[in-house]
């Protein structure tokens, strides 16, 4: 019995193990710095979002302060008495109120408002605002000063 002729051998060429390992090494060498850059970009994006949220909260705090003081305030003592001491704000600067029980909302900002310790006749419109976040532990805080009346305003 004669065997059928075997098909002609083509010049099969495959990658060697050295070539495969070298290719994987080159790809890894290029990808590792990209992963590091992504983590830095993510951190900076989070910080920028946090700063934007704080700016919105401070803007809302100022609006609440100006609304609570109102027109016709004629003494610094009445200004001090009219200020709500603690306010709560949600994400985006949405005003939530003065008495709020925290129930797991991590997008909550607590604002503690006090008048300046040096509130004399010359600096009678100064208000110190401390924004504490995130709820419920309030580990971070940012302080800002507000002047509710322009200098020279008589009341």
Foldseek 3Di string as FASTA:
>chain_A
DDDDDDDDDDPDDDDDPVRVVVVVVVVCVVVVVVVVVVVVVVVVVVVVLVVVQVVQQVVLLLVVLLVQCDPPDADLVVSQVSDQFKWKAFGRNHTDGRDDDDDPRQRMKIKGKHADPPCDPQQSQKMKIKIFHGPDVRPDIDIDIDRNDDPPDHD
